[in-house]
C-alpha atoms as a PDB file:
ATOM      1  CA  MET A   1     101.549  70.195  89.569  1.00  0.00           C
ATOM      2  CA  ARG A   2     103.331  73.475  90.416  1.00  0.00           C
ATOM      3  CA  LEU A   3     101.437  76.812  90.068  1.00  0.00           C
ATOM      4  CA  LYS A   4     102.919  80.287  90.012  1.00  0.00           C
ATOM      5  CA  GLN A   5     103.433  81.703  93.514  1.00  0.00           C
ATOM      6  CA  PHE A   6     100.529  83.313  95.167  1.00  0.00           C
ATOM      7  CA  PRO A   7     100.375  86.986  94.176  1.00  0.00           C
ATOM      8  CA  ILE A   8     101.591  89.429  96.827  1.00  0.00           C
ATOM      9  CA  THR A   9      98.733  91.833  95.974  1.00  0.00           C
ATOM     10  CA  SER A  10      96.253  89.129  96.781  1.00  0.00           C
ATOM     11  CA  LEU A  11      97.986  88.334  99.999  1.00  0.00           C
ATOM     12  CA  ILE A  12      97.860  91.983 101.147  1.00  0.00           C
ATOM     13  CA  ALA A  13      94.165  92.242 100.137  1.00  0.00           C
ATOM     14  CA  ALA A  14      93.322  89.070 102.102  1.00  0.00           C
ATOM     15  CA  ILE A  15      95.068  90.305 105.185  1.00  0.00           C
ATOM     16  CA  GLN A  16      93.421  93.699 104.889  1.00  0.00           C
ATOM     17  CA  LYS A  17      89.996  92.145 104.662  1.00  0.00           C
ATOM     18  CA  THR A  18      90.515  89.856 107.651  1.00  0.00           C
ATOM     19  CA  VAL A  19      91.973  92.680 109.801  1.00  0.00           C
ATOM     20  CA  GLN A  20      89.225  95.173 108.869  1.00  0.00           C
ATOM     21  CA  ASP A  21      86.445  92.564 109.397  1.00  0.00           C
ATOM     22  CA  GLY A  22      87.984  91.437 112.719  1.00  0.00           C
ATOM     23  CA  THR A  23      88.836  94.820 114.284  1.00  0.00           C
ATOM     24  CA  GLY A  24      86.370  97.270 112.681  1.00  0.00           C
ATOM     25  CA  LYS A  25      89.294  99.593 111.854  1.00  0.00           C
ATOM     26  CA  LYS A  26      90.745 100.560 108.439  1.00  0.00           C
ATOM     27  CA  CYS A  27      93.624  98.377 107.294  1.00  0.00           C
ATOM     28  CA  LEU A  28      95.613 100.103 104.480  1.00  0.00           C
ATOM     29  CA  ASP A  29      98.516  99.168 102.297  1.00  0.00           C
ATOM     30  CA  PHE A  30      99.966 102.735 102.557  1.00  0.00           C
ATOM     31  CA  VAL A  31      99.337 105.749 104.719  1.00  0.00           C
ATOM     32  CA  PRO A  32      97.593 108.669 103.065  1.00  0.00           C
ATOM     33  CA  LYS A  33      98.600 112.111 104.292  1.00  0.00           C
ATOM     34  CA  ASP A  34      96.511 113.181 107.268  1.00  0.00           C
ATOM     35  CA  GLN A  35      95.034 109.679 107.719  1.00  0.00           C
ATOM     36  CA  PRO A  36      93.019 109.806 111.009  1.00  0.00           C
ATOM     37  CA  SER A  37      93.985 107.281 113.611  1.00  0.00           C
ATOM     38  CA  PRO A  38      93.455 104.612 114.831  1.00  0.00           C
ATOM     39  CA  PHE A  39      94.240 102.361 111.866  1.00  0.00           C
ATOM     40  CA  TYR A  40      96.401  99.473 110.658  1.00  0.00           C
ATOM     41  CA  TYR A  41      98.576  99.091 107.599  1.00  0.00           C
ATOM     42  CA  VAL A  42     100.265  96.157 106.038  1.00  0.00           C
ATOM     43  CA  GLU A  43     103.918  96.191 104.854  1.00  0.00           C
ATOM     44  CA  PHE A  44     105.262  93.350 102.790  1.00  0.00           C
ATOM     45  CA  ILE A  45     108.763  92.480 104.091  1.00  0.00           C
ATOM     46  CA  GLY A  46     109.780  89.500 101.936  1.00  0.00           C
ATOM     47  CA  SER A  47     109.301  85.922 100.815  1.00  0.00           C
ATOM     48  CA  GLN A  48     111.267  82.727 100.751  1.00  0.00           C
ATOM     49  CA  PRO A  49     110.731  79.178  99.725  1.00  0.00           C
ATOM     50  CA  GLY A  50     109.677  76.790 102.465  1.00  0.00           C
ATOM     51  CA  ASN A  51     109.222  73.670 100.255  1.00  0.00           C
ATOM     52  CA  SER A  52     108.649  70.301 101.823  1.00  0.00           C
ATOM     53  CA  LYS A  53     108.951  66.756 100.463  1.00  0.00           C
ATOM     54  CA  THR A  54     105.394  66.975  99.176  1.00  0.00           C
ATOM     55  CA  MET A  55     104.532  70.600  98.594  1.00  0.00           C
ATOM     56  CA  PHE A  56     105.809  73.699  96.919  1.00  0.00           C
ATOM     57  CA  VAL A  57     105.255  76.470  99.449  1.00  0.00           C
ATOM     58  CA  THR A  58     106.405  80.020  99.998  1.00  0.00           C
ATOM     59  CA  ASP A  59     106.616  81.803 103.353  1.00  0.00           C
ATOM     60  CA  TYR A  60     105.579  85.486 103.166  1.00  0.00           C
ATOM     61  CA  THR A  61     106.587  87.840 105.881  1.00  0.00           C
ATOM     62  CA  VAL A  62     104.615  90.998 106.595  1.00  0.00           C
ATOM     63  CA  TYR A  63     104.593  93.748 109.165  1.00  0.00           C
ATOM     64  CA  ILE A  64     101.305  94.947 110.357  1.00  0.00           C
ATOM     65  CA  HIS A  65     101.620  98.501 111.774  1.00  0.00           C
ATOM     66  CA  VAL A  66      99.174  99.526 114.519  1.00  0.00           C
ATOM     67  CA  ILE A  67      98.664 103.256 114.798  1.00  0.00           C
ATOM     68  CA  SER A  68      96.700 104.430 117.910  1.00  0.00           C
ATOM     69  CA  GLU A  69      95.149 107.809 118.431  1.00  0.00           C
ATOM     70  CA  GLU A  70      97.160 110.521 120.202  1.00  0.00           C
ATOM     71  CA  SER A  71      97.568 109.584 123.836  1.00  0.00           C
ATOM     72  CA  GLU A  72     100.053 109.985 126.612  1.00  0.00           C
ATOM     73  CA  SER A  73      99.548 106.277 127.401  1.00  0.00           C
ATOM     74  CA  THR A  74     100.633 103.244 125.335  1.00  0.00           C
ATOM     75  CA  VAL A  75      97.653 101.275 126.523  1.00  0.00           C
ATOM     76  CA  PRO A  76      95.556 102.049 123.378  1.00  0.00           C
ATOM     77  CA  VAL A  77      98.158 100.680 121.002  1.00  0.00           C
ATOM     78  CA  TYR A  78      98.380  97.443 123.063  1.00  0.00           C
ATOM     79  CA  LYS A  79      94.630  97.093 122.922  1.00  0.00           C
ATOM     80  CA  TYR A  80      94.667  97.510 119.164  1.00  0.00           C
ATOM     81  CA  MET A  81      97.549  94.867 118.923  1.00  0.00           C
ATOM     82  CA  ASP A  82      95.357  92.553 121.034  1.00  0.00           C
ATOM     83  CA  ASP A  83      92.449  93.202 118.648  1.00  0.00           C
ATOM     84  CA  LEU A  84      94.724  92.442 115.689  1.00  0.00           C
ATOM     85  CA  SER A  85      95.833  89.187 117.280  1.00  0.00           C
ATOM     86  CA  GLU A  86      92.253  88.205 117.885  1.00  0.00           C
ATOM     87  CA  ALA A  87      91.198  89.114 114.288  1.00  0.00           C
ATOM     88  CA  LEU A  88      94.051  86.969 112.912  1.00  0.00           C
ATOM     89  CA  THR A  89      92.962  83.855 114.862  1.00  0.00           C
ATOM     90  CA  GLU A  90      90.694  83.541 111.774  1.00  0.00           C
ATOM     91  CA  ASP A  91      92.556  82.307 108.698  1.00  0.00           C
ATOM     92  CA  ILE A  92      92.868  84.697 105.801  1.00  0.00           C
ATOM     93  CA  SER A  93      90.781  83.669 102.803  1.00  0.00           C
ATOM     94  CA  ILE A  94      92.691  82.768  99.639  1.00  0.00           C
ATOM     95  CA  PRO A  95      91.278  81.348  96.443  1.00  0.00           C
ATOM     96  CA  ASP A  96      91.711  77.779  95.172  1.00  0.00           C
ATOM     97  CA  PRO A  97      93.900  76.127  94.056  1.00  0.00           C
ATOM     98  CA  TYR A  98      96.205  77.815  96.595  1.00  0.00           C
ATOM     99  CA  TRP A  99      96.178  76.616 100.126  1.00  0.00           C
ATOM    100  CA  LEU A 100      97.045  78.438 103.339  1.00  0.00           C
ATOM    101  CA  VAL A 101      99.265  76.037 105.316  1.00  0.00           C
ATOM    102  CA  PHE A 102      99.575  78.356 108.323  1.00  0.00           C
ATOM    103  CA  GLN A 103      99.638  81.932 109.494  1.00  0.00           C
ATOM    104  CA  ARG A 104     101.706  82.789 112.485  1.00  0.00           C
ATOM    105  CA  ASN A 105     102.099  85.746 114.751  1.00  0.00           C
ATOM    106  CA  ASP A 106     105.897  86.236 115.042  1.00  0.00           C
ATOM    107  CA  GLY A 107     105.656  88.816 117.781  1.00  0.00           C
ATOM    108  CA  VAL A 108     105.852  92.528 118.411  1.00  0.00           C
ATOM    109  CA  LYS A 109     108.873  94.092 116.772  1.00  0.00           C
ATOM    110  CA  SER A 110     108.662  97.608 118.119  1.00  0.00           C
ATOM    111  CA  VAL A 111     106.504 100.171 119.826  1.00  0.00           C
ATOM    112  CA  TYR A 112     107.303 103.888 119.668  1.00  0.00           C
ATOM    113  CA  ARG A 113     105.764 107.350 119.830  1.00  0.00           C
ATOM    114  CA  GLU A 114     105.373 109.317 116.615  1.00  0.00           C
ATOM    115  CA  GLU A 115     105.960 113.075 116.500  1.00  0.00           C
ATOM    116  CA  THR A 116     102.179 113.554 116.430  1.00  0.00           C
ATOM    117  CA  ASP A 117     101.903 111.725 119.816  1.00  0.00           C
ATOM    118  CA  GLU A 118     100.234 108.708 118.076  1.00  0.00           C
ATOM    119  CA  VAL A 119     101.784 105.483 119.325  1.00  0.00           C
ATOM    120  CA  HIS A 120     103.004 103.069 116.633  1.00  0.00           C
ATOM    121  CA  GLY A 121     103.328  99.350 117.106  1.00  0.00           C
ATOM    122  CA  VAL A 122     104.762  96.857 114.628  1.00  0.00           C
ATOM    123  CA  VAL A 123     103.772  93.162 114.595  1.00  0.00           C
ATOM    124  CA  GLN A 124     105.316  90.556 112.389  1.00  0.00           C
ATOM    125  CA  TYR A 125     103.306  87.801 110.732  1.00  0.00           C
ATOM    126  CA  THR A 126     104.332  84.917 108.515  1.00  0.00           C
ATOM    127  CA  PHE A 127     101.899  83.297 105.993  1.00  0.00           C
ATOM    128  CA  ARG A 128     102.844  79.943 104.426  1.00  0.00           C
ATOM    129  CA  ILE A 129     100.987  79.308 101.225  1.00  0.00           C
ATOM    130  CA  SER A 130     101.187  76.184  99.107  1.00  0.00           C
ATOM    131  CA  HIS A 131     101.292  76.596  95.352  1.00  0.00           C
ATOM    132  CA  GLY A 132     101.420  72.900  94.278  1.00  0.00           C
ATOM    133  CA  TRP A 133     101.985  69.353  95.161  1.00  0.00           C
ATOM    134  CA  LYS A 134     105.087  67.385  94.202  1.00  0.00           C
ATOM    135  CA  ALA A 135     104.472  64.050  92.478  1.00  0.00           C
ATOM    136  CA  LYS A 136     106.718  61.248  91.312  1.00  0.00           C
ATOM    137  CA  ILE A 137     106.057  60.047  87.752  1.00  0.00           C
END
């Protein structure tokens, strides 16, 4: 039986919870004006079908932005990226009947310095979520 695709808002909420619980830092879905650093925020990039012979699945791609405090060094942002990677060794929690097939760190996309001297890193993740089994009748 095929279900509707997993809601993007639920995916973002699950990522935020896992990152916040694992790092102890805020994980937002947008950046409020004057948000104190350090923090993370999740940006939805896109989705595409990844169906197999037996399952209906969708691959969701997100960028997780890592914002460190003002620093002359890039070391703090790398530490926060390591913390993020460690936090996401735990699977995100999604409700039944959906099933998380995998979550994958696709690597660091960029690291740069903001005008505020905060250092900004971007890490890409893919989440493959099943939304039904295929069956022959």
